[in-house]
């Protein structure tokens, strides 16, 4: 029987831990027998969300596990417990498969297990993970990563995506799909985190670039060009590009393209407007152009995106 061990520690979060417990800790003889041997490990009285947990096993159990699931942490700036990091390194050295859920990637990174590897985390914290651990190749656009023995999941519900992926690896697609039906979740979600990232709105701060952004946002339906933006700002295109990049971190063209995609997302989420009409209202011109750029940027086509956020209303 495959032993799956989950460490709990002060600051571990309940939601992702509960997903791991539901997937790996509940006997499911109708799907596969044996299923998993699930062990919760940690010090007495560890704080798991709003619960105080007396784990039945110590952290030394991790070194015996086939798979270790590390739940998310509520404070990404706090250093994980040293004994937890030692236990994770020992498990990895022995050959265990180790997976993190959401911000649990910060724990793996602190243990040095993500050095040189591709990994993900919640999109809100991806930049911080890359900044704090520069040896990690952070990919904020995916729901989870699989680097063989090290796997990472993005934010919150992506813990379920990765858990089902592990079941698929261990027991096959048919079992994973049957489990997904039991849990009333999709067996595989298309796209990545990009479809869930909220669009920031520039603030009026008196900065010329912020004012230019608001001017452009009011005219996304028009075929705006970088030259149009430069003319509005009273600058050459070269000077605008340099000034714009200093202020926003991206070029005017990339920013304008991103705003068209985000406007399309808003319209798909909140209206029944046809894709052809959305293409016109976002300055994309044709539905074909919108579909191509939208799929490339978000990871799913517009129709799939609308169904994700509106369900039956999308029909």
Protein backbone atom coordinates (compact mmCIF):
# COMPACT_ATOMS: atom_id res chain seq x y z
CA UNK A 1 0.00 0.00 0.00
CA UNK A 2 1.31 3.45 -0.96
CA UNK A 3 2.05 5.60 2.09
CA UNK A 4 1.09 9.26 1.67
CA UNK A 5 2.27 11.45 4.53
CA UNK A 6 1.15 15.02 5.15
CA UNK A 7 3.06 17.17 7.64
CA UNK A 8 1.12 19.71 9.69
CA UNK A 9 2.91 22.65 11.25
CA UNK A 10 2.06 25.98 12.84
CA UNK A 11 0.63 28.14 10.08
CA UNK A 12 -0.40 25.33 7.75
CA UNK A 13 -3.75 26.07 6.10
CA UNK A 14 -6.83 23.92 6.50
CA UNK A 15 -8.40 24.11 3.03
CA UNK A 16 -5.60 22.48 1.06
CA UNK A 17 -4.87 20.00 3.86
CA UNK A 18 -8.53 18.96 3.77
CA UNK A 19 -8.32 18.32 0.03
CA UNK A 20 -5.33 16.02 0.53
CA UNK A 21 -7.13 14.24 3.36
CA UNK A 22 -10.27 13.78 1.27
CA UNK A 23 -8.41 12.41 -1.76
CA UNK A 24 -5.81 10.23 -0.09
CA UNK A 25 -7.20 9.58 3.39
CA UNK A 26 -10.68 8.22 2.65
CA UNK A 27 -10.89 4.48 1.85
CA UNK A 28 -12.22 3.92 -1.66
CA UNK A 29 -12.37 0.15 -2.24
CA UNK A 30 -14.86 0.65 -5.07
CA UNK A 31 -12.14 2.52 -7.00
CA UNK A 32 -8.95 0.69 -6.01
CA UNK A 33 -8.10 -1.74 -3.24
CA UNK A 34 -5.75 -1.04 -1.63
CA UNK A 35 -6.13 2.74 -1.88
CA UNK A 36 -3.61 4.78 0.12
CA UNK A 37 -2.25 4.63 3.65
CA UNK A 38 -2.58 8.27 4.75
CA UNK A 39 -0.55 9.58 7.68
CA UNK A 40 -0.78 13.02 9.27
CA UNK A 41 2.56 13.93 10.82
CA UNK A 42 3.73 16.75 13.05
CA UNK A 43 4.35 18.02 16.56
CA UNK A 44 1.58 17.96 19.21
CA UNK A 45 -0.77 20.94 19.07
CA UNK A 46 0.29 22.18 15.63
CA UNK A 47 -1.99 24.97 14.39
CA UNK A 48 -3.77 23.92 11.19
CA UNK A 49 -5.90 26.85 10.14
CA UNK A 50 -8.12 27.53 13.16
CA UNK A 51 -7.64 24.02 14.55
CA UNK A 52 -5.09 22.68 16.98
CA UNK A 53 -4.04 19.23 15.79
CA UNK A 54 -2.34 16.42 17.66
CA UNK A 55 -0.89 14.49 14.74
CA UNK A 56 -0.75 10.72 15.33
CA UNK A 57 2.74 10.52 13.81
CA UNK A 58 5.95 12.48 14.16
CA UNK A 59 7.81 14.12 11.30
CA UNK A 60 10.20 11.16 11.16
CA UNK A 61 7.38 9.28 9.41
CA UNK A 62 8.01 11.41 6.30
CA UNK A 63 11.24 9.55 5.61
CA UNK A 64 9.22 6.32 5.23
CA UNK A 65 6.59 7.79 2.92
CA UNK A 66 6.22 7.10 -0.80
CA UNK A 67 4.58 10.51 -1.30
CA UNK A 68 4.72 13.59 0.91
CA UNK A 69 2.03 16.28 0.55
CA UNK A 70 2.98 19.69 1.98
CA UNK A 71 -0.07 21.93 2.58
CA UNK A 72 0.04 25.69 2.13
CA UNK A 73 1.31 28.15 4.72
CA UNK A 74 -0.51 31.29 5.83
CA UNK A 75 2.65 33.42 6.19
CA UNK A 76 5.04 33.16 3.27
CA UNK A 77 7.56 35.42 5.01
CA UNK A 78 7.90 33.22 8.09
CA UNK A 79 10.64 30.62 7.94
CA UNK A 80 9.30 27.04 8.09
CA UNK A 81 10.27 24.97 11.15
CA UNK A 82 13.81 23.60 10.86
CA UNK A 83 12.72 20.08 11.82
CA UNK A 84 10.16 20.10 9.01
CA UNK A 85 12.80 21.15 6.47
CA UNK A 86 15.15 18.43 7.71
CA UNK A 87 12.38 15.84 7.45
CA UNK A 88 11.54 16.89 3.88
CA UNK A 89 15.19 16.68 2.84
CA UNK A 90 15.45 13.23 4.40
CA UNK A 91 12.31 12.07 2.58
CA UNK A 92 13.62 13.40 -0.71
CA UNK A 93 17.03 11.79 -0.18
CA UNK A 94 15.33 8.45 0.41
CA UNK A 95 13.44 8.77 -2.87
CA UNK A 96 9.98 10.02 -1.85
CA UNK A 97 7.78 11.92 -4.25
CA UNK A 98 7.08 15.34 -2.73
CA UNK A 99 4.21 17.65 -3.67
CA UNK A 100 3.33 21.11 -2.37
CA UNK A 101 -0.09 22.73 -2.40
CA UNK A 102 -0.45 26.46 -3.04
CA UNK A 103 2.07 28.37 -0.89
CA UNK A 104 3.51 25.09 0.35
CA UNK A 105 5.98 25.73 -2.46
CA UNK A 106 7.67 28.24 -0.15
CA UNK A 107 8.34 25.38 2.26
CA UNK A 108 9.89 23.23 -0.48
CA UNK A 109 11.93 26.19 -1.68
CA UNK A 110 13.21 26.83 1.86
CA UNK A 111 14.32 23.19 1.99
CA UNK A 112 16.24 23.68 -1.27
CA UNK A 113 14.12 21.11 -3.08
CA UNK A 114 13.02 23.51 -5.83
CA UNK A 115 16.49 24.75 -6.79
CA UNK A 116 16.86 24.53 -10.55
CA UNK A 117 13.33 23.22 -10.96
CA UNK A 118 10.17 24.58 -12.54
CA UNK A 119 7.55 25.26 -9.89
CA UNK A 120 4.36 27.22 -9.32
CA UNK A 121 2.39 28.73 -6.49
CA UNK A 122 -0.63 31.00 -6.04
CA UNK A 123 -0.41 33.76 -8.65
CA UNK A 124 -0.57 36.43 -5.95
CA UNK A 125 2.70 35.17 -4.47
CA UNK A 126 4.57 34.02 -7.58
CA UNK A 127 6.70 37.16 -7.85
CA UNK A 128 7.69 36.87 -4.21
CA UNK A 129 8.68 33.22 -4.64
CA UNK A 130 10.88 34.14 -7.59
CA UNK A 131 12.40 37.08 -5.72
CA UNK A 132 13.08 35.20 -2.52
CA UNK A 133 14.35 32.01 -4.18
CA UNK A 134 16.04 33.03 -7.45
CA UNK A 135 17.19 29.47 -8.19
CA UNK A 136 13.56 28.41 -8.65
CA UNK A 137 12.09 28.67 -12.16
CA UNK A 138 8.68 30.04 -11.21
CA UNK A 139 5.82 29.50 -13.67
CA UNK A 140 2.74 31.42 -12.56
CA UNK A 141 0.70 30.47 -15.63
CA UNK A 142 -0.05 26.82 -14.78
CA UNK A 143 -2.31 24.99 -12.33
CA UNK A 144 0.43 22.58 -11.31
CA UNK A 145 3.89 21.36 -12.29
CA UNK A 146 5.27 17.84 -12.40
CA UNK A 147 9.04 17.49 -12.34
CA UNK A 148 9.01 13.78 -11.62
CA UNK A 149 9.72 13.52 -7.91
CA UNK A 150 8.82 17.14 -7.14
CA UNK A 151 5.36 18.54 -7.90
CA UNK A 152 3.79 21.90 -7.05
CA UNK A 153 0.22 23.18 -7.23
CA UNK A 154 -0.99 26.72 -7.75
CA UNK A 155 -3.53 28.45 -5.53
CA UNK A 156 -6.32 26.85 -3.49
CA UNK A 157 -8.49 24.70 -5.78
CA UNK A 158 -5.45 23.74 -7.85
CA UNK A 159 -4.64 21.46 -4.90
CA UNK A 160 -7.45 19.27 -6.20
CA UNK A 161 -6.05 19.37 -9.73
CA UNK A 162 -2.67 18.14 -8.51
CA UNK A 163 -4.19 15.54 -6.19
CA UNK A 164 -6.18 14.05 -9.06
CA UNK A 165 -3.04 14.11 -11.18
CA UNK A 166 -1.25 12.03 -8.53
CA UNK A 167 -4.14 9.56 -8.44
CA UNK A 168 -4.00 9.39 -12.24
CA UNK A 169 -0.29 8.56 -12.10
CA UNK A 170 -0.80 5.88 -9.44
CA UNK A 171 -4.07 4.26 -10.48
CA UNK A 172 -4.76 5.34 -14.05
CA UNK A 173 -7.09 7.73 -15.83
CA UNK A 174 -10.28 5.71 -15.30
CA UNK A 175 -9.87 5.69 -11.51
CA UNK A 176 -8.97 9.39 -11.40
CA UNK A 177 -12.02 10.24 -13.52
CA UNK A 178 -14.29 8.12 -11.31
CA UNK A 179 -12.93 9.86 -8.20
CA UNK A 180 -13.53 13.25 -9.81
CA UNK A 181 -17.15 12.30 -10.46
CA UNK A 182 -17.52 11.20 -6.84
CA UNK A 183 -16.14 14.55 -5.65
CA UNK A 184 -18.22 16.45 -8.26
CA UNK A 185 -15.17 18.20 -9.73
CA UNK A 186 -13.75 18.21 -13.26
CA UNK A 187 -11.16 15.46 -13.78
CA UNK A 188 -8.98 17.92 -15.65
CA UNK A 189 -9.28 21.68 -15.94
CA UNK A 190 -8.08 23.39 -19.08
CA UNK A 191 -5.80 26.40 -19.06
CA UNK A 192 -3.82 27.89 -16.22
CA UNK A 193 -3.94 30.56 -13.53
CA UNK A 194 -4.08 33.37 -16.06
CA UNK A 195 -7.85 32.93 -16.36
CA UNK A 196 -8.29 33.65 -12.64
CA UNK A 197 -6.02 36.69 -12.22
CA UNK A 198 -7.90 39.91 -11.57
CA UNK A 199 -7.09 42.82 -13.82
CA UNK A 200 -5.42 45.72 -12.02
CA UNK A 201 -6.77 49.21 -12.64
CA UNK A 202 -4.24 52.03 -12.91
CA UNK A 203 -4.63 54.75 -10.31
CA UNK A 204 -4.79 58.44 -11.11
CA UNK A 205 -1.65 59.64 -9.38
CA UNK A 206 -0.80 62.61 -11.52
CA UNK A 207 1.69 60.49 -13.43
CA UNK A 208 1.36 61.06 -17.17
CA UNK A 209 1.49 57.35 -17.89
CA UNK A 210 -1.39 56.57 -15.52
CA UNK A 211 -3.50 59.24 -17.20
CA UNK A 212 -2.57 57.83 -20.60
CA UNK A 213 -3.62 54.37 -19.48
CA UNK A 214 -7.05 55.60 -18.43
CA UNK A 215 -7.40 57.43 -21.75
CA UNK A 216 -6.58 54.21 -23.62
CA UNK A 217 -8.90 52.07 -21.48
CA UNK A 218 -11.80 54.28 -22.55
CA UNK A 219 -10.90 53.62 -26.21
CA UNK A 220 -10.08 49.92 -26.36
CA UNK A 221 -12.73 49.49 -29.04
CA UNK A 222 -10.64 51.69 -31.33
CA UNK A 223 -7.65 50.37 -33.32
CA UNK A 224 -5.17 52.16 -31.07
CA UNK A 225 -1.48 51.95 -31.89
CA UNK A 226 1.68 52.89 -30.02
CA UNK A 227 1.84 55.94 -32.24
CA UNK A 228 -1.63 56.96 -31.08
CA UNK A 229 -0.48 56.66 -27.47
CA UNK A 230 2.66 58.64 -28.18
CA UNK A 231 0.68 61.38 -29.89
CA UNK A 232 -1.67 61.59 -26.93
CA UNK A 233 1.26 61.78 -24.51
CA UNK A 234 3.07 64.34 -26.66
CA UNK A 235 6.15 62.13 -26.95
CA UNK A 236 8.02 60.25 -29.61
CA UNK A 237 7.27 56.53 -29.70
CA UNK A 238 10.82 55.80 -28.52
CA UNK A 239 10.55 58.16 -25.55
CA UNK A 240 7.08 56.84 -24.68
CA UNK A 241 8.27 53.25 -24.76
CA UNK A 242 11.16 54.02 -22.43
CA UNK A 243 9.03 56.09 -20.04
CA UNK A 244 6.14 53.58 -20.14
CA UNK A 245 8.44 50.66 -19.36
CA UNK A 246 9.99 52.51 -16.45
CA UNK A 247 6.53 53.20 -15.02
CA UNK A 248 4.80 49.85 -15.67
CA UNK A 249 7.50 47.26 -16.39
CA UNK A 250 6.09 46.48 -19.85
CA UNK A 251 6.06 48.12 -23.28
CA UNK A 252 3.02 50.11 -24.43
CA UNK A 253 2.15 47.46 -27.01
CA UNK A 254 2.22 44.60 -24.50
CA UNK A 255 0.17 46.62 -22.02
CA UNK A 256 -2.41 47.53 -24.66
CA UNK A 257 -2.69 43.91 -25.76
CA UNK A 258 -3.13 42.75 -22.15
CA UNK A 259 -5.91 45.27 -21.58
CA UNK A 260 -7.79 44.06 -24.67
CA UNK A 261 -7.61 40.50 -23.34
CA UNK A 262 -8.75 41.58 -19.88
CA UNK A 263 -11.67 43.55 -21.31
CA UNK A 264 -12.66 40.45 -23.27
CA UNK A 265 -12.52 38.44 -20.03
CA UNK A 266 -14.84 40.91 -18.32
CA UNK A 267 -17.34 40.77 -21.17
CA UNK A 268 -17.25 36.96 -21.29
CA UNK A 269 -17.82 36.78 -17.53
CA UNK A 270 -20.62 39.32 -17.26
CA UNK A 271 -22.49 39.44 -20.57
CA UNK A 272 -24.01 37.22 -23.25
CA UNK A 273 -22.37 39.28 -25.97
CA UNK A 274 -21.30 37.19 -28.96
CA UNK A 275 -17.59 36.60 -29.43
CA UNK A 276 -17.70 38.48 -32.74
CA UNK A 277 -19.10 41.54 -30.96
CA UNK A 278 -16.58 41.23 -28.14
CA UNK A 279 -13.80 41.21 -30.72
CA UNK A 280 -15.06 44.53 -32.05
CA UNK A 281 -15.51 46.06 -28.58
CA UNK A 282 -11.96 45.16 -27.59
CA UNK A 283 -10.25 46.35 -30.76
CA UNK A 284 -9.39 42.81 -31.86
CA UNK A 285 -11.22 43.20 -35.14
CA UNK A 286 -12.45 39.67 -35.83
CA UNK A 287 -13.54 36.70 -33.74
CA UNK A 288 -10.73 34.65 -35.26
CA UNK A 289 -8.14 37.15 -34.08
CA UNK A 290 -9.67 37.33 -30.62
CA UNK A 291 -9.81 33.55 -30.27
CA UNK A 292 -6.17 33.18 -31.31
CA UNK A 293 -4.81 35.85 -28.96
CA UNK A 294 -7.17 34.95 -26.10
CA UNK A 295 -6.20 31.26 -26.17
CA UNK A 296 -2.52 32.16 -26.28
CA UNK A 297 -2.78 34.58 -23.34
CA UNK A 298 -5.31 32.83 -21.08
CA UNK A 299 -4.79 29.19 -21.97
CA UNK A 300 -8.35 28.41 -23.03
CA UNK A 301 -10.59 29.65 -25.88
CA UNK A 302 -13.21 32.33 -25.15
CA UNK A 303 -16.15 29.91 -25.16
CA UNK A 304 -14.47 27.63 -22.60
CA UNK A 305 -13.59 30.62 -20.45
CA UNK A 306 -17.20 31.79 -20.48
CA UNK A 307 -18.47 28.36 -19.42
CA UNK A 308 -15.96 28.28 -16.58
CA UNK A 309 -17.19 31.54 -15.09
CA UNK A 310 -20.85 31.51 -16.03
CA UNK A 311 -21.77 27.83 -16.16
CA UNK A 312 -25.23 27.21 -17.57
CA UNK A 313 -25.82 30.94 -17.94
CA UNK A 314 -23.29 30.86 -20.80
CA UNK A 315 -25.75 28.93 -22.94
